[in-house]
Amino acid sequence: MTVLLTRSDILGSLDVPAVLDVLRAGFQTAPTIEPLRARTELPGPGSATALLPGLISGIPAYTVKVNAKFPGASPALRGVVCLHDLTDGTLLAVMDSATITAWRTGLAAALATDLLAVPDKPTNGVIGVIGAGAQSALTVAGLTALRDIEGLVVHDLDPARATEFLAQHGLPGAVAISPQEVAKQADLVVLATWSREPLLTSADARPGLHLTTLGADEPGKVELSADLLASARVVVDDRALAVQMGALGNVGLNADAAQATLTEVLTGAAAGRRSADEVTVYAPVGLPWQDLAIAWPVYQAAAEHGRPIDFLS
């Protein structure tokens, strides 16, 4: 039998510290099978993407995800994550992909941001948010599980949305009038927008700043300028994807602009932040195995509460 798991099923079974542990382990033992991320434009305002296979050493299952992305919709991303038994391909579960994707992206970003931001302050500084949507909210949720946060400064094209975001998180802070104002006030900045033009340049990146750019995850999307990326220490999740459809290639940079992958930093093969004054950037695209980091523990916790269905009947 296959279990159907909705958004509420997933959220009711989500253990943030446990998922952070699985993500950390996943980055440290990244699969040797090359990830496939196939994307196509649709005849309208949307695109379709498939990610496979989602594999993590020690987990006897894999994921295949199919998404539709429509910027004007809410949620903008819709689809399914299929969880299969690794031994015979049995379809164990079908899950809402919007929830899986948002949480795995947000928590992976939080993990990397915590690792690369300056660690040795009396407090852990101010989080800056550019783009007050669900993705930023989940990254902040992950960061508050990893750090004691001093405050929050938020910018969004809709000031009311930024005000609501600030109120929801219960942290002292302010609404900023521009991305540049966020970079001036924050110690680490999370960008999660639909921008196709740079929101910050090297002139905005003061010493010691960390930036996590989540919006540049498909061709044409840009949040950080080429000069900023070229002058910072850049860590990616996958070099090839960062050039094909991510923050590097979208501004004309090649794989040499990435000094390390997150796997290399976590395993000690490459340095992350090297000094308190260095500007660091995390620029992920998103890898298939990260879906499994959410899907497997959720399936184990929620299988008995989900709706079983026999697709082979």
Protein backbone atom coordinates (compact mmCIF):
# COMPACT_ATOMS: atom_id res chain seq x y z
CA MET A 1 0.00 0.00 0.00
CA THR A 2 1.08 3.58 -0.71
CA VAL A 3 0.51 6.27 1.92
CA LEU A 4 -0.75 9.71 0.87
CA LEU A 5 0.70 12.48 3.05
CA THR A 6 -0.69 16.01 2.82
CA ARG A 7 0.82 19.27 4.02
CA SER A 8 -0.77 18.89 7.45
CA ASP A 9 0.46 15.28 7.73
CA ILE A 10 4.00 16.43 6.98
CA LEU A 11 3.94 19.37 9.36
CA GLY A 12 2.48 17.22 12.13
CA SER A 13 5.39 14.81 11.83
CA LEU A 14 8.26 17.24 11.21
CA ASP A 15 11.02 17.27 13.83
CA VAL A 16 13.32 20.21 12.97
CA PRO A 17 16.39 19.14 15.02
CA ALA A 18 16.14 15.61 13.63
CA VAL A 19 15.91 16.87 10.05
CA LEU A 20 18.91 19.16 10.60
CA ASP A 21 20.88 16.11 11.76
CA VAL A 22 19.86 14.14 8.65
CA LEU A 23 20.76 17.06 6.38
CA ARG A 24 24.16 17.44 8.03
CA ALA A 25 24.83 13.72 7.61
CA GLY A 26 23.59 13.85 4.03
CA PHE A 27 26.01 16.62 3.08
CA GLN A 28 28.86 14.73 4.72
CA THR A 29 28.12 11.54 2.73
CA ALA A 30 26.89 13.00 -0.55
CA PRO A 31 25.93 10.21 -3.01
CA THR A 32 28.30 9.45 -5.87
CA ILE A 33 25.41 9.17 -8.35
CA GLU A 34 25.17 12.42 -10.29
CA PRO A 35 21.94 14.26 -9.44
CA LEU A 36 19.47 14.86 -12.27
CA ARG A 37 17.56 18.12 -12.29
CA ALA A 38 15.48 18.38 -15.46
CA ARG A 39 13.59 21.62 -16.09
CA THR A 40 11.40 22.88 -18.91
CA GLU A 41 9.40 26.01 -19.63
CA LEU A 42 5.65 25.52 -20.03
CA PRO A 43 3.48 27.34 -22.62
CA GLY A 44 2.40 29.96 -20.11
CA PRO A 45 3.80 31.59 -16.96
CA GLY A 46 5.14 28.42 -15.34
CA SER A 47 7.88 25.81 -15.49
CA ALA A 48 8.15 22.12 -14.63
CA THR A 49 11.05 20.41 -12.86
CA ALA A 50 11.93 16.83 -11.95
CA LEU A 51 14.64 15.90 -9.40
CA LEU A 52 16.02 12.38 -8.96
CA PRO A 53 17.28 10.24 -7.42
CA GLY A 54 17.11 11.34 -3.79
CA LEU A 55 19.61 9.09 -2.03
CA ILE A 56 21.28 9.23 1.40
CA SER A 57 23.65 6.55 2.68
CA GLY A 58 21.91 4.33 5.24
CA ILE A 59 18.32 5.16 4.22
CA PRO A 60 16.64 2.22 2.39
CA ALA A 61 14.54 4.46 0.13
CA TYR A 62 14.86 7.07 -2.59
CA THR A 63 12.78 10.01 -3.82
CA VAL A 64 11.61 11.29 -7.18
CA LYS A 65 10.11 14.79 -7.19
CA VAL A 66 8.01 16.48 -9.86
CA ASN A 67 7.17 20.16 -9.43
CA ALA A 68 5.29 22.86 -11.28
CA LYS A 69 6.41 26.41 -10.47
CA PHE A 70 4.08 29.35 -11.14
CA PRO A 71 5.33 32.67 -9.71
CA GLY A 72 1.84 34.16 -9.45
CA ALA A 73 0.30 31.23 -7.60
CA SER A 74 0.18 30.61 -3.86
CA PRO A 75 2.02 28.45 -3.15
CA ALA A 76 4.16 29.13 -6.20
CA LEU A 77 5.46 25.56 -6.22
CA ARG A 78 3.12 22.56 -6.52
CA GLY A 79 3.70 18.88 -7.10
CA VAL A 80 4.50 15.55 -5.48
CA VAL A 81 7.42 13.74 -3.91
CA CYS A 82 7.32 9.99 -4.50
CA LEU A 83 9.12 7.87 -1.90
CA HIS A 84 10.21 4.44 -3.17
CA ASP A 85 11.68 1.37 -1.50
CA LEU A 86 15.33 1.10 -2.56
CA THR A 87 15.29 -2.69 -2.92
CA ASP A 88 12.34 -3.19 -5.27
CA GLY A 89 10.94 0.25 -6.15
CA THR A 90 7.71 -0.14 -4.16
CA LEU A 91 5.94 3.23 -3.93
CA LEU A 92 5.88 3.83 -0.18
CA ALA A 93 4.39 7.31 -0.10
CA VAL A 94 3.23 10.26 -2.18
CA MET A 95 3.74 13.59 -0.43
CA ASP A 96 3.01 17.27 -1.04
CA SER A 97 6.17 18.66 -2.65
CA ALA A 98 5.58 22.30 -1.75
CA THR A 99 5.95 21.51 1.96
CA ILE A 100 8.86 19.10 1.49
CA THR A 101 10.74 21.53 -0.76
CA ALA A 102 10.19 24.58 1.41
CA TRP A 103 11.38 22.87 4.58
CA ARG A 104 14.36 21.05 3.09
CA THR A 105 15.55 24.22 1.34
CA GLY A 106 15.03 26.38 4.40
CA LEU A 107 16.69 24.01 6.86
CA ALA A 108 19.62 23.24 4.53
CA ALA A 109 20.10 26.99 4.09
CA ALA A 110 20.00 27.48 7.86
CA LEU A 111 22.60 24.75 8.34
CA ALA A 112 24.96 26.34 5.79
CA THR A 113 24.33 29.89 7.02
CA ASP A 114 25.12 28.93 10.61
CA LEU A 115 28.30 27.21 9.44
CA LEU A 116 29.58 30.12 7.34
CA ALA A 117 28.49 33.18 9.33
CA VAL A 118 30.84 34.70 11.91
CA PRO A 119 30.47 32.42 14.98
CA ASP A 120 32.26 34.20 17.82
CA LYS A 121 30.12 37.19 18.79
CA PRO A 122 28.70 37.90 22.28
CA THR A 123 25.35 37.48 20.56
CA ASN A 124 24.77 35.75 17.25
CA GLY A 125 23.88 38.95 15.47
CA VAL A 126 21.04 40.25 13.38
CA ILE A 127 19.40 38.23 10.60
CA GLY A 128 18.55 40.18 7.47
CA VAL A 129 15.78 38.98 5.17
CA ILE A 130 15.25 40.15 1.59
CA GLY A 131 12.01 38.63 0.35
CA ALA A 132 9.55 38.03 3.20
CA GLY A 133 8.05 34.77 1.94
CA ALA A 134 7.72 31.23 3.18
CA GLN A 135 11.26 30.26 2.18
CA SER A 136 12.84 33.00 4.26
CA ALA A 137 10.55 32.16 7.17
CA LEU A 138 11.69 28.54 7.24
CA THR A 139 15.35 29.53 7.03
CA VAL A 140 14.85 31.85 10.00
CA ALA A 141 13.09 29.02 11.85
CA GLY A 142 16.10 26.80 11.24
CA LEU A 143 18.55 29.49 12.32
CA THR A 144 16.72 30.12 15.58
CA ALA A 145 17.09 26.39 16.30
CA LEU A 146 20.85 26.68 15.73
CA ARG A 147 21.64 30.14 17.16
CA ASP A 148 20.48 32.67 19.72
CA ILE A 149 19.43 35.51 17.44
CA GLU A 150 19.69 39.16 18.48
CA GLY A 151 17.25 40.67 15.99
CA LEU A 152 15.69 40.72 12.55
CA VAL A 153 15.59 43.28 9.74
CA VAL A 154 13.28 42.64 6.78
CA HIS A 155 12.74 44.06 3.31
CA ASP A 156 10.05 43.11 0.83
CA LEU A 157 8.53 44.80 -2.23
CA ASP A 158 5.33 44.83 -0.16
CA PRO A 159 6.09 46.72 3.10
CA ALA A 160 2.99 45.27 4.76
CA ARG A 161 4.27 41.78 4.08
CA ALA A 162 7.61 42.68 5.67
CA THR A 163 5.82 44.06 8.73
CA GLU A 164 3.77 40.88 9.06
CA PHE A 165 6.91 38.73 8.70
CA LEU A 166 8.61 40.63 11.50
CA ALA A 167 5.59 40.28 13.79
CA GLN A 168 5.28 36.54 13.15
CA HIS A 169 8.81 35.81 14.35
CA GLY A 170 8.61 37.69 17.61
CA LEU A 171 12.14 39.08 17.38
CA PRO A 172 13.16 42.70 17.92
CA GLY A 173 13.87 44.40 14.63
CA ALA A 174 12.75 46.68 11.85
CA VAL A 175 11.42 46.87 8.32
CA ALA A 176 14.07 48.13 5.87
CA ILE A 177 13.33 50.32 2.87
CA SER A 178 15.81 48.58 0.55
CA PRO A 179 18.07 45.52 0.19
CA GLN A 180 21.05 47.82 0.78
CA GLU A 181 19.61 48.89 4.14
CA VAL A 182 19.27 45.23 5.14
CA ALA A 183 22.93 44.61 4.28
CA LYS A 184 23.97 47.62 6.38
CA GLN A 185 22.14 46.46 9.50
CA ALA A 186 22.45 42.66 9.40
CA ASP A 187 25.30 40.27 10.17
CA LEU A 188 23.91 37.57 7.92
CA VAL A 189 21.40 38.00 5.09
CA VAL A 190 18.97 35.55 3.52
CA LEU A 191 17.69 36.42 0.03
CA ALA A 192 14.68 34.54 -1.33
CA THR A 193 13.10 36.45 -4.20
CA TRP A 194 12.05 36.15 -7.84
CA SER A 195 14.56 38.82 -8.88
CA ARG A 196 16.23 38.80 -12.29
CA GLU A 197 18.51 41.75 -11.47
CA PRO A 198 21.18 42.00 -8.75
CA LEU A 199 19.79 43.21 -5.46
CA LEU A 200 23.22 43.59 -3.82
CA THR A 201 26.68 44.31 -5.24
CA SER A 202 30.18 44.20 -3.79
CA ALA A 203 29.76 47.80 -2.61
CA ASP A 204 26.99 46.59 -0.27
CA ALA A 205 29.01 43.76 1.30
CA ARG A 206 30.87 45.10 4.30
CA PRO A 207 33.61 42.96 5.93
CA GLY A 208 32.31 39.93 7.83
CA LEU A 209 28.92 39.80 6.12
CA HIS A 210 27.41 36.44 5.18
CA LEU A 211 24.84 36.12 2.39
CA THR A 212 22.66 33.12 1.52
CA THR A 213 21.02 33.47 -1.90
CA LEU A 214 18.08 31.11 -2.39
CA GLY A 215 16.27 32.82 -5.26
CA ALA A 216 18.87 32.10 -7.94
CA ASP A 217 17.78 28.50 -8.40
CA GLU A 218 16.91 28.40 -12.11
CA PRO A 219 18.12 30.13 -15.30
CA GLY A 220 17.72 33.90 -15.39
CA LYS A 221 17.24 34.47 -11.66
CA VAL A 222 19.79 36.76 -10.03
CA GLU A 223 20.09 38.21 -6.51
CA LEU A 224 23.83 38.92 -6.12
CA SER A 225 26.01 40.66 -8.70
CA ALA A 226 28.97 39.08 -10.48
CA ASP A 227 31.42 41.45 -8.76
CA LEU A 228 30.11 40.51 -5.31
CA LEU A 229 30.34 36.78 -6.04
CA ALA A 230 33.78 37.14 -7.59
CA SER A 231 35.14 38.96 -4.53
CA ALA A 232 33.51 36.78 -1.83
CA ARG A 233 34.23 33.26 -0.63
CA VAL A 234 31.43 31.30 -2.32
CA VAL A 235 30.18 27.90 -1.17
CA VAL A 236 27.67 25.97 -3.30
CA ASP A 237 25.82 22.68 -3.00
CA ASP A 238 26.86 21.55 -6.52
CA ARG A 239 29.34 23.31 -8.79
CA ALA A 240 27.89 22.11 -12.09
CA LEU A 241 24.32 23.10 -11.19
CA ALA A 242 25.48 26.47 -9.84
CA VAL A 243 26.81 27.21 -13.32
CA GLN A 244 24.01 25.57 -15.34
CA MET A 245 21.10 27.27 -13.57
CA GLY A 246 22.30 28.93 -10.37
CA ALA A 247 23.87 32.04 -8.92
CA LEU A 248 27.20 31.66 -10.73
CA GLY A 249 26.18 30.91 -14.31
CA ASN A 250 23.28 33.34 -14.21
CA VAL A 251 25.76 36.24 -13.92
CA GLY A 252 28.34 34.79 -16.32
CA LEU A 253 30.73 33.18 -13.81
CA ASN A 254 32.16 29.67 -14.11
CA ALA A 255 32.71 26.93 -11.54
CA ASP A 256 36.04 28.44 -10.43
CA ALA A 257 34.07 31.18 -8.67
CA ALA A 258 32.98 28.60 -6.08
CA GLN A 259 35.75 27.98 -3.57
CA ALA A 260 34.03 24.97 -2.00
CA THR A 261 30.92 22.86 -1.78
CA LEU A 262 29.07 22.49 1.51
CA THR A 263 30.06 18.82 1.52
CA GLU A 264 33.74 19.80 1.30
CA VAL A 265 33.36 22.26 4.17
CA LEU A 266 31.52 19.81 6.44
CA THR A 267 34.02 17.02 5.78
CA GLY A 268 37.06 19.27 6.21
CA ALA A 269 38.18 18.94 2.59
CA ALA A 270 37.92 22.73 2.17
CA ALA A 271 37.70 25.70 4.49
CA GLY A 272 34.50 27.59 5.04
CA ARG A 273 34.88 31.06 6.55
CA ARG A 274 38.58 31.77 7.07
CA SER A 275 38.42 35.04 9.01
CA ALA A 276 35.97 37.31 10.79
CA ASP A 277 36.36 39.94 8.05
CA GLU A 278 35.78 37.66 5.07
CA VAL A 279 32.56 38.04 3.06
CA THR A 280 30.98 34.63 2.56
CA VAL A 281 28.15 33.46 0.30
CA TYR A 282 26.11 30.27 0.22
CA ALA A 283 24.54 29.81 -3.21
CA PRO A 284 22.59 26.54 -3.45
CA VAL A 285 20.39 25.25 -6.25
CA GLY A 286 18.92 22.28 -4.35
CA LEU A 287 19.82 18.59 -4.65
CA PRO A 288 17.50 15.57 -4.93
CA TRP A 289 18.77 13.85 -1.78
CA GLN A 290 17.65 16.82 0.34
CA ASP A 291 14.04 15.83 -0.35
CA LEU A 292 14.75 12.42 1.18
CA ALA A 293 16.11 14.10 4.32
CA ILE A 294 12.56 15.33 4.99
CA ALA A 295 10.53 12.58 3.32
CA TRP A 296 12.03 9.58 5.10
CA PRO A 297 11.68 10.71 8.74
CA VAL A 298 8.21 12.13 7.97
CA TYR A 299 7.15 8.84 6.38
CA GLN A 300 8.39 6.86 9.38
CA ALA A 301 6.52 9.13 11.79
CA ALA A 302 3.32 9.61 9.78
CA ALA A 303 2.78 6.38 7.82
CA GLU A 304 0.22 4.97 10.22
CA HIS A 305 -1.79 8.23 10.11
CA GLY A 306 -1.74 8.73 6.34
CA ARG A 307 -4.33 7.61 3.80
CA PRO A 308 -3.35 4.26 2.28
CA ILE A 309 -4.12 3.55 -1.36
CA ASP A 310 -3.32 0.63 -3.64
CA PHE A 311 -2.16 2.07 -6.98
CA LEU A 312 -1.87 -1.45 -8.40
CA SER A 313 -5.48 -2.41 -7.73
